[in-house]
Amino acid sequence: MHEVQLTRDSYGHTLNGHQVFSHDDEWVVFDTRNDQTHIGRTCCIEKVNVRSGEVVRLYTAPGQTEYGPGVGAAAWHPHEEKIIFIHGLFNCDVAQPYDFTRRFGAIWRGDEPSGVTAAEARTVTAPLVAGALRGGTHAHSWSGDGEWISFTYNDYIIEQLEKGGGKMRDLRTVGVMAPIPVHVETEDEENFSGIYFSVVAATVADQPAAGSDEIEKAFDECWIGKEGYRKHDGTWQKRALAFQGHVRTSTGELITEVFVADIPDDITRAGTAPLEGTAQSRPTVPAGLVQRRITFTADRKHPGVQGPRFWLRSSADGATVFFLMKDDDGIVQIFNVPVMGGEIKQVTRLPVSVQSQFNISPEGNRIAFIADNSIWITDIASGDSERLTQRRPDHDAPVVSVSWNHAGDMLVYNRYVTSPEGRYLQIFRIDL
């Protein structure tokens, strides 16, 4: 298929892994990184018109230096002129640079375009506050109805204890935000209020028991279904996350499996420990959250979920979770598993490995991804795959992800383009 280059300026144009299209499908949001690892030194969030190629700057981080604040990974709200992205703390400098535990979810709105609002509240000094976090969030995703936000999280307080020789480690986990404002009494650049109530949504352990379902890292999650999923007993679970978790096999080997967290409607109620944690302990999941494992792959020839870095994806009805894993020939393919657990099914059967994040079409019948340095789509029901673009050499192949628009008739993606000014990530589109 014919690909159209949308951006051409001599700087990076990095797309998030998904949720990059405006609600009207006219614009695509991106950050100005030229390398996925450089959020801390990246200044700006922009959008490009998918037809005209017009580029508009939406936000510039104040006082940007190589040490921060830094912005990136922008996700567009499914129904509104609203974008969430990673933002480093405003006091980042050479002594305290941008870091996993020193960032937050920044919300930009079309009706308030001159600044951003903190999605989550943050407290790293006493008193800690329920609904506020104590570290840094990233990889934000809007729920299907646009009301809640999921994220991946690292904890500053535990990180400092670990650096001081403590036995507890800053273990990455996942969480959710609900639209309930949280007020922090004393505000500064390290502690601030937010417009969402935030909690962790997975329980992690420093030393998981071998052969158990305990996990020492939860990461790269997705919302299940546009409106949740139906359980075996016929009841409806309105909100749930699927996430990847590191477990130890019976022999102590570290592998990644797929987990589900059923989220209660009310996340403000604490369980047996404070939601906000303490100065010596992690934040905890809300009362009523249920965490369960849905894949068991230790006995496979190539055990564990694996491949290029990717986030899980769910079918629109929430019945199925999709992930990457090697087939018996060692080729990374797309697989799925019922959300309630059960038989794992192979979706793609390519002679080459999937190279990127994959995304499911809005109508739920196709998957788009990168393989063999080309853009592909696969019909989920039949497994038939089609190469959409020519194979390119490694230096200018598509990278990271392919995203659908809301109408399901356009794909956008990144690839590097070399010009006299340098080699820069540009945005391309394909009309289906």
Protein backbone atom coordinates (compact mmCIF):
# COMPACT_ATOMS: atom_id res chain seq x y z
CA MET A 1 0.00 0.00 0.00
CA HIS A 2 1.03 3.60 -0.54
CA GLU A 3 2.43 5.25 2.58
CA VAL A 4 2.17 9.00 3.15
CA GLN A 5 4.83 10.88 5.11
CA LEU A 6 3.09 13.32 7.50
CA THR A 7 6.04 14.99 9.26
CA ARG A 8 9.32 16.29 7.85
CA ASP A 9 10.91 18.68 10.36
CA SER A 10 14.45 18.04 11.58
CA TYR A 11 13.62 16.67 15.03
CA GLY A 12 11.96 13.55 16.38
CA HIS A 13 8.24 12.78 16.12
CA THR A 14 7.61 9.88 18.52
CA LEU A 15 4.19 8.25 18.68
CA ASN A 16 2.86 6.63 21.81
CA GLY A 17 2.06 2.90 21.65
CA HIS A 18 -1.67 3.60 21.19
CA GLN A 19 -4.40 6.24 21.69
CA VAL A 20 -2.63 8.71 19.41
CA PHE A 21 -5.65 9.85 17.33
CA SER A 22 -7.91 12.75 18.27
CA HIS A 23 -11.55 11.81 18.85
CA ASP A 24 -12.46 13.16 15.38
CA ASP A 25 -9.57 11.30 13.65
CA GLU A 26 -8.21 14.59 12.25
CA TRP A 27 -5.01 14.81 14.32
CA VAL A 28 -2.29 12.57 15.72
CA VAL A 29 -0.43 13.53 18.89
CA PHE A 30 3.29 12.92 19.41
CA ASP A 31 6.29 14.08 21.43
CA THR A 32 9.53 15.45 20.00
CA ARG A 33 11.85 12.64 21.06
CA ASN A 34 14.17 11.20 18.45
CA ASP A 35 14.97 8.25 20.70
CA GLN A 36 12.59 6.25 22.92
CA THR A 37 14.90 6.59 25.92
CA HIS A 38 15.17 10.39 25.90
CA ILE A 39 11.98 11.58 27.61
CA GLY A 40 13.97 13.51 30.24
CA ARG A 41 15.53 15.79 27.63
CA THR A 42 12.41 16.20 25.46
CA CYS A 43 10.59 19.54 25.56
CA CYS A 44 7.40 19.35 23.60
CA ILE A 45 4.06 17.76 22.77
CA GLU A 46 2.72 18.42 19.25
CA LYS A 47 0.03 17.22 16.88
CA VAL A 48 -0.03 16.71 13.12
CA ASN A 49 -3.05 16.82 10.83
CA VAL A 50 -3.44 13.47 9.08
CA ARG A 51 -4.50 15.07 5.78
CA SER A 52 -2.67 18.38 5.45
CA GLY A 53 0.46 17.53 7.47
CA GLU A 54 0.09 20.76 9.46
CA VAL A 55 2.02 20.55 12.74
CA VAL A 56 0.84 22.42 15.85
CA ARG A 57 2.79 22.69 19.10
CA LEU A 58 0.50 22.02 22.06
CA TYR A 59 2.83 22.23 25.06
CA THR A 60 6.42 23.14 25.91
CA ALA A 61 7.94 22.08 29.23
CA PRO A 62 9.16 25.15 31.15
CA GLY A 63 12.91 25.50 31.66
CA GLN A 64 13.72 22.34 29.72
CA THR A 65 17.32 21.13 30.01
CA GLU A 66 19.08 17.84 29.44
CA TYR A 67 18.14 16.94 33.04
CA GLY A 68 14.39 17.59 32.74
CA PRO A 69 11.55 18.18 33.27
CA GLY A 70 10.98 16.16 30.08
CA VAL A 71 7.72 15.12 28.45
CA GLY A 72 6.58 12.18 26.31
CA ALA A 73 4.26 9.26 25.57
CA ALA A 74 1.10 11.27 24.85
CA ALA A 75 -2.30 9.53 24.82
CA TRP A 76 -5.44 11.23 23.47
CA HIS A 77 -8.75 10.93 25.33
CA PRO A 78 -11.23 8.79 23.32
CA HIS A 79 -14.02 11.41 23.32
CA GLU A 80 -12.59 14.79 24.34
CA GLU A 81 -9.94 17.37 23.46
CA LYS A 82 -7.77 16.11 26.30
CA ILE A 83 -4.33 14.48 26.35
CA ILE A 84 -2.31 12.82 29.10
CA PHE A 85 1.46 12.43 28.92
CA ILE A 86 4.51 11.82 31.09
CA HIS A 87 5.92 14.98 32.67
CA GLY A 88 9.04 15.18 34.81
CA LEU A 89 8.93 17.14 38.06
CA PHE A 90 9.34 20.88 37.56
CA ASN A 91 12.40 21.04 39.83
CA CYS A 92 14.51 18.60 37.83
CA ASP A 93 18.16 19.65 37.64
CA VAL A 94 21.65 18.13 37.53
CA ALA A 95 21.37 17.02 41.18
CA GLN A 96 17.81 15.69 40.83
CA PRO A 97 17.24 14.78 37.17
CA TYR A 98 14.21 13.23 35.52
CA ASP A 99 13.81 9.68 36.75
CA PHE A 100 11.32 6.83 36.99
CA THR A 101 10.21 8.03 40.44
CA ARG A 102 10.27 11.75 39.55
CA ARG A 103 7.47 12.16 37.03
CA PHE A 104 3.68 12.40 36.86
CA GLY A 105 0.75 12.24 34.48
CA ALA A 106 0.16 15.71 33.00
CA ILE A 107 -3.22 16.51 31.47
CA TRP A 108 -3.49 19.06 28.67
CA ARG A 109 -6.92 20.33 27.66
CA GLY A 110 -7.96 22.12 24.51
CA ASP A 111 -9.97 24.65 26.51
CA GLU A 112 -6.93 25.40 28.73
CA PRO A 113 -4.05 25.10 26.25
CA SER A 114 -1.46 27.21 28.05
CA GLY A 115 -0.63 24.74 30.83
CA VAL A 116 -1.17 21.30 32.31
CA THR A 117 -2.83 19.83 35.39
CA ALA A 118 -1.41 16.98 37.48
CA ALA A 119 -3.55 13.89 37.05
CA GLU A 120 -2.42 12.21 40.27
CA ALA A 121 -1.57 13.80 43.59
CA ARG A 122 1.95 13.17 44.94
CA THR A 123 3.27 13.11 48.51
CA VAL A 124 6.78 12.01 49.44
CA THR A 125 6.90 13.66 52.86
CA ALA A 126 4.63 13.14 55.87
CA PRO A 127 1.75 13.12 56.17
CA LEU A 128 1.11 10.67 53.34
CA VAL A 129 -2.36 10.96 51.82
CA ALA A 130 -4.76 8.23 50.67
CA GLY A 131 -5.30 8.56 46.92
CA ALA A 132 -1.95 10.26 46.41
CA LEU A 133 1.09 8.41 45.10
CA ARG A 134 4.69 8.71 46.27
CA GLY A 135 6.68 8.34 43.08
CA GLY A 136 6.30 8.42 39.33
CA THR A 137 3.71 7.22 36.83
CA HIS A 138 4.08 6.52 33.12
CA ALA A 139 2.52 4.63 30.20
CA HIS A 140 -0.87 6.19 30.89
CA SER A 141 -3.93 4.73 29.13
CA TRP A 142 -7.52 5.95 29.10
CA SER A 143 -10.23 3.42 29.88
CA GLY A 144 -12.74 2.70 27.11
CA ASP A 145 -15.20 5.25 28.49
CA GLY A 146 -12.45 7.78 29.11
CA GLU A 147 -13.32 8.07 32.79
CA TRP A 148 -10.37 6.26 34.40
CA ILE A 149 -6.64 6.06 33.66
CA SER A 150 -4.23 3.15 34.07
CA PHE A 151 -0.49 3.56 34.55
CA THR A 152 2.77 1.89 35.46
CA TYR A 153 4.40 3.05 38.68
CA ASN A 154 7.71 3.32 40.56
CA ASP A 155 7.90 4.45 44.20
CA TYR A 156 10.30 7.20 45.33
CA ILE A 157 10.10 6.44 49.05
CA ILE A 158 10.96 2.76 48.59
CA GLU A 159 13.67 3.70 46.10
CA GLN A 160 15.34 5.91 48.71
CA LEU A 161 15.12 3.17 51.33
CA GLU A 162 16.71 0.75 48.86
CA LYS A 163 19.52 3.22 48.10
CA GLY A 164 20.08 3.52 51.84
CA GLY A 165 20.69 -0.21 52.14
CA GLY A 166 17.16 -1.36 52.94
CA LYS A 167 16.07 -4.85 51.95
CA MET A 168 12.85 -3.69 50.28
CA ARG A 169 13.22 -2.93 46.57
CA ASP A 170 11.40 -0.43 44.37
CA LEU A 171 9.44 -3.00 42.38
CA ARG A 172 7.55 -1.67 39.38
CA THR A 173 3.80 -2.13 39.54
CA VAL A 174 0.60 -0.94 37.85
CA GLY A 175 -2.26 1.21 39.05
CA VAL A 176 -5.46 3.05 38.22
CA MET A 177 -6.86 6.55 38.69
CA ALA A 178 -10.53 7.46 39.21
CA PRO A 179 -11.90 11.02 38.72
CA ILE A 180 -11.96 12.01 42.41
CA PRO A 181 -9.79 15.03 43.35
CA VAL A 182 -7.15 14.53 46.04
CA HIS A 183 -5.91 17.48 48.11
CA VAL A 184 -2.41 17.70 49.52
CA GLU A 185 -2.17 20.18 52.39
CA THR A 186 1.36 21.50 51.82
CA GLU A 187 2.24 21.84 48.14
CA ASP A 188 5.62 22.34 46.52
CA GLU A 189 7.47 20.89 43.53
CA GLU A 190 7.71 17.46 45.20
CA ASN A 191 4.24 17.32 46.77
CA PHE A 192 1.10 18.42 44.97
CA SER A 193 -2.64 17.83 44.63
CA GLY A 194 -4.25 16.00 41.71
CA ILE A 195 -7.61 15.64 40.02
CA TYR A 196 -7.70 11.81 40.24
CA PHE A 197 -7.69 9.37 43.14
CA SER A 198 -4.81 6.96 42.48
CA VAL A 199 -4.04 3.48 43.81
CA VAL A 200 -1.76 0.62 42.90
CA ALA A 201 -3.61 -2.28 41.30
CA ALA A 202 -1.17 -5.17 41.73
CA THR A 203 0.60 -6.67 44.73
CA VAL A 204 4.33 -7.32 44.29
CA ALA A 205 6.75 -9.26 46.51
CA ASP A 206 10.50 -8.84 47.04
CA GLN A 207 11.06 -12.60 47.09
CA PRO A 208 8.23 -14.48 45.35
CA ALA A 209 7.94 -18.11 46.33
CA ALA A 210 9.14 -20.48 43.60
CA GLY A 211 6.26 -22.07 41.74
CA SER A 212 3.71 -19.61 43.18
CA ASP A 213 1.59 -16.86 41.62
CA GLU A 214 3.45 -14.17 43.57
CA ILE A 215 5.06 -11.55 41.34
CA GLU A 216 8.07 -9.30 41.77
CA LYS A 217 7.22 -6.88 38.98
CA ALA A 218 3.91 -5.87 37.36
CA PHE A 219 4.07 -3.90 34.14
CA ASP A 220 2.79 -3.03 30.64
CA GLU A 221 -0.92 -3.32 31.33
CA CYS A 222 -4.13 -2.71 29.36
CA TRP A 223 -7.78 -2.12 30.19
CA ILE A 224 -9.90 -5.21 29.60
CA GLY A 225 -12.73 -4.53 27.15
CA LYS A 226 -14.29 -1.19 26.36
CA GLU A 227 -16.65 -1.71 29.30
CA GLY A 228 -15.11 -4.64 31.18
CA TYR A 229 -15.97 -8.32 30.77
CA ARG A 230 -18.48 -11.02 31.71
CA LYS A 231 -17.51 -13.59 34.35
CA HIS A 232 -18.38 -17.29 34.26
CA ASP A 233 -21.32 -16.72 36.61
CA GLY A 234 -22.81 -14.15 34.22
CA THR A 235 -22.00 -11.11 36.35
CA TRP A 236 -20.28 -8.14 34.75
CA GLN A 237 -16.89 -6.88 35.89
CA LYS A 238 -16.97 -3.20 34.89
CA ARG A 239 -13.29 -2.39 35.28
CA ALA A 240 -10.28 -4.68 35.08
CA LEU A 241 -6.66 -4.60 33.99
CA ALA A 242 -4.56 -7.25 32.32
CA PHE A 243 -0.85 -6.92 33.06
CA GLN A 244 2.43 -8.77 32.75
CA GLY A 245 4.00 -10.15 35.89
CA HIS A 246 7.40 -11.68 36.65
CA VAL A 247 7.08 -14.99 38.49
CA ARG A 248 9.52 -17.67 39.59
CA THR A 249 9.04 -21.20 38.27
CA SER A 250 9.37 -24.23 40.54
CA THR A 251 13.08 -24.30 39.59
CA GLY A 252 13.53 -20.58 40.33
CA GLU A 253 13.64 -19.40 36.72
CA LEU A 254 12.25 -15.90 36.13
CA ILE A 255 9.51 -15.80 33.47
CA THR A 256 6.67 -13.45 32.55
CA GLU A 257 3.01 -14.46 32.75
CA VAL A 258 -0.31 -12.68 32.18
CA PHE A 259 -2.40 -11.56 35.15
CA VAL A 260 -5.77 -9.88 35.64
CA ALA A 261 -6.76 -7.40 38.34
CA ASP A 262 -10.50 -6.99 38.89
CA ILE A 263 -10.93 -3.40 40.09
CA PRO A 264 -13.70 -2.56 42.59
CA ASP A 265 -16.07 0.29 41.75
CA ASP A 266 -14.92 2.12 44.88
CA ILE A 267 -11.13 2.31 45.07
CA THR A 268 -11.08 4.68 48.06
CA ARG A 269 -11.56 1.91 50.65
CA ALA A 270 -8.39 0.48 52.16
CA GLY A 271 -7.90 -3.20 52.79
CA THR A 272 -5.76 -4.47 55.66
CA ALA A 273 -3.12 -1.74 55.22
CA PRO A 274 -3.19 1.96 54.26
CA LEU A 275 -3.70 2.66 50.56
CA GLU A 276 -0.93 5.24 50.71
CA GLY A 277 1.51 2.91 52.46
CA THR A 278 3.86 4.16 55.16
CA ALA A 279 7.36 5.59 55.31
CA GLN A 280 8.59 1.96 55.54
CA SER A 281 6.10 0.14 53.27
CA ARG A 282 4.62 0.24 49.78
CA PRO A 283 1.18 1.55 48.83
CA THR A 284 -1.43 -1.22 48.82
CA VAL A 285 -4.34 -2.24 46.61
CA PRO A 286 -7.88 -1.16 47.55
CA ALA A 287 -10.33 -3.42 49.36
CA GLY A 288 -12.13 -5.76 46.97
CA LEU A 289 -9.41 -5.92 44.30
CA VAL A 290 -8.84 -9.47 43.06
CA GLN A 291 -5.53 -10.41 41.41
CA ARG A 292 -5.28 -13.66 39.44
CA ARG A 293 -3.03 -15.35 36.92
CA ILE A 294 -4.40 -16.47 33.55
CA THR A 295 -1.37 -17.97 31.75
CA PHE A 296 0.80 -20.91 32.85
CA THR A 297 3.59 -21.39 30.32
CA ALA A 298 6.49 -22.89 32.29
CA ASP A 299 6.17 -26.24 30.50
CA ARG A 300 6.32 -24.78 26.98
CA LYS A 301 9.42 -25.20 24.82
CA HIS A 302 9.91 -21.43 25.10
CA PRO A 303 8.23 -20.53 28.39
CA GLY A 304 6.97 -17.10 29.32
CA VAL A 305 5.46 -14.14 27.54
CA GLN A 306 8.29 -12.59 25.53
CA GLY A 307 9.39 -10.62 22.47
CA PRO A 308 10.01 -6.92 21.88
CA ARG A 309 8.65 -4.67 24.59
CA PHE A 310 4.88 -4.55 24.33
CA TRP A 311 1.71 -3.80 26.24
CA LEU A 312 -1.09 -6.34 26.48
CA ARG A 313 -4.25 -5.73 24.46
CA SER A 314 -7.84 -6.88 24.98
CA SER A 315 -10.73 -7.63 22.67
CA ALA A 316 -13.45 -4.97 22.74
CA ASP A 317 -15.86 -7.30 24.59
CA GLY A 318 -13.22 -8.10 27.19
CA ALA A 319 -13.38 -11.84 26.57
CA THR A 320 -9.79 -12.24 25.37
CA VAL A 321 -6.33 -10.91 26.19
CA PHE A 322 -3.62 -10.78 23.50
CA PHE A 323 0.14 -11.02 24.03
CA LEU A 324 3.45 -11.95 22.39
CA MET A 325 5.22 -15.26 22.91
CA LYS A 326 7.58 -17.54 20.97
CA ASP A 327 6.14 -20.49 19.11
CA ASP A 328 7.91 -23.87 19.20
CA ASP A 329 10.22 -22.71 16.40
CA GLY A 330 11.38 -19.72 18.45
CA ILE A 331 9.46 -17.19 16.33
CA VAL A 332 7.67 -14.39 18.22
CA GLN A 333 3.96 -14.59 17.39
CA ILE A 334 0.73 -13.06 18.69
CA PHE A 335 -1.31 -15.32 20.99
CA ASN A 336 -4.47 -14.88 23.03
CA VAL A 337 -6.06 -16.37 26.13
CA PRO A 338 -9.57 -16.11 27.61
CA VAL A 339 -9.78 -13.44 30.30
CA MET A 340 -11.05 -16.08 32.74
CA GLY A 341 -8.08 -18.31 31.88
CA GLY A 342 -8.00 -21.39 29.67
CA GLU A 343 -6.48 -22.54 26.41
CA ILE A 344 -3.86 -20.31 24.82
CA LYS A 345 -4.41 -19.88 21.09
CA GLN A 346 -1.90 -18.79 18.46
CA VAL A 347 -3.17 -15.93 16.27
CA THR A 348 -0.32 -15.23 13.83
CA ARG A 349 1.69 -17.92 12.05
CA LEU A 350 4.41 -15.88 10.39
CA PRO A 351 7.77 -17.19 9.19
CA VAL A 352 9.41 -14.19 10.90
CA SER A 353 9.01 -12.67 14.37
CA VAL A 354 6.68 -9.85 15.29
CA GLN A 355 8.94 -6.85 15.92
CA SER A 356 6.67 -4.35 17.68
CA GLN A 357 3.75 -3.44 19.84
CA PHE A 358 0.52 -4.64 18.20
CA ASN A 359 -2.91 -2.97 18.23
CA ILE A 360 -6.40 -4.31 17.57
CA SER A 361 -8.72 -2.57 15.12
CA PRO A 362 -11.77 -0.72 16.52
CA GLU A 363 -14.13 -3.33 15.11
CA GLY A 364 -12.03 -6.00 16.82
CA ASN A 365 -11.32 -8.30 13.86
CA ARG A 366 -7.79 -7.29 12.81
CA ILE A 367 -4.38 -6.72 14.41
CA ALA A 368 -1.73 -4.33 13.08
CA PHE A 369 1.98 -4.73 13.84
CA ILE A 370 5.52 -4.64 12.44
CA ALA A 371 7.31 -7.76 11.18
CA ASP A 372 10.16 -8.28 8.70
CA ASN A 373 10.67 -4.48 8.63
CA SER A 374 7.16 -4.00 7.19
CA ILE A 375 3.64 -3.11 8.33
CA TRP A 376 1.28 -6.11 8.57
CA ILE A 377 -2.30 -6.81 9.50
CA THR A 378 -3.71 -10.17 10.56
CA ASP A 379 -7.33 -11.30 10.54
CA ILE A 380 -7.91 -12.63 14.05
CA ALA A 381 -10.51 -15.25 13.14
CA SER A 382 -8.65 -16.83 10.21
CA GLY A 383 -5.07 -16.00 11.11
CA ASP A 384 -4.49 -14.76 7.55
CA SER A 385 -1.78 -12.11 7.45
CA GLU A 386 -1.11 -9.44 4.84
CA ARG A 387 2.03 -7.38 4.32
CA LEU A 388 0.99 -3.76 3.68
CA THR A 389 4.32 -2.05 3.01
CA GLN A 390 7.52 -3.04 1.30
CA ARG A 391 10.31 -4.52 3.36
CA ARG A 392 12.80 -1.83 4.30
CA PRO A 393 16.43 -2.10 5.40
CA ASP A 394 17.06 -2.00 9.13
CA HIS A 395 18.12 1.66 9.24
CA ASP A 396 14.74 2.99 8.00
CA ALA A 397 12.32 0.23 8.99
CA PRO A 398 9.10 0.98 10.91
CA VAL A 399 9.65 0.98 14.67
CA VAL A 400 7.83 0.57 18.01
CA SER A 401 4.12 0.43 17.10
CA VAL A 402 1.29 0.76 14.56
CA SER A 403 -1.93 2.54 15.63
CA TRP A 404 -5.46 2.50 14.22
CA ASN A 405 -7.71 5.51 13.93
CA HIS A 406 -11.19 5.34 15.49
CA ALA A 407 -12.84 4.63 12.13
CA GLY A 408 -10.54 1.67 11.47
CA ASP A 409 -9.53 2.87 8.00
CA MET A 410 -6.12 4.40 8.71
CA LEU A 411 -2.85 3.31 10.34
CA VAL A 412 -0.02 5.55 11.55
CA TYR A 413 3.49 4.59 12.60
CA ASN A 414 7.06 5.83 12.97
CA ARG A 415 10.16 5.19 10.96
CA TYR A 416 13.49 6.95 10.70
CA VAL A 417 14.16 9.05 7.61
CA THR A 418 17.63 10.29 6.68
CA SER A 419 17.94 13.82 5.30
CA PRO A 420 20.85 16.24 4.83
CA GLU A 421 20.07 17.58 8.35
CA GLY A 422 20.23 14.16 10.02
CA ARG A 423 18.25 11.02 10.78
CA TYR A 424 14.89 11.67 12.42
CA LEU A 425 11.80 9.75 13.46
CA GLN A 426 8.95 10.76 11.17
CA ILE A 427 5.26 9.84 11.15
CA PHE A 428 3.67 7.97 8.25
CA ARG A 429 0.11 6.95 7.48
CA ILE A 430 -1.54 4.22 5.40
CA ASP A 431 -5.14 4.50 4.20
CA LEU A 432 -6.90 1.14 4.22
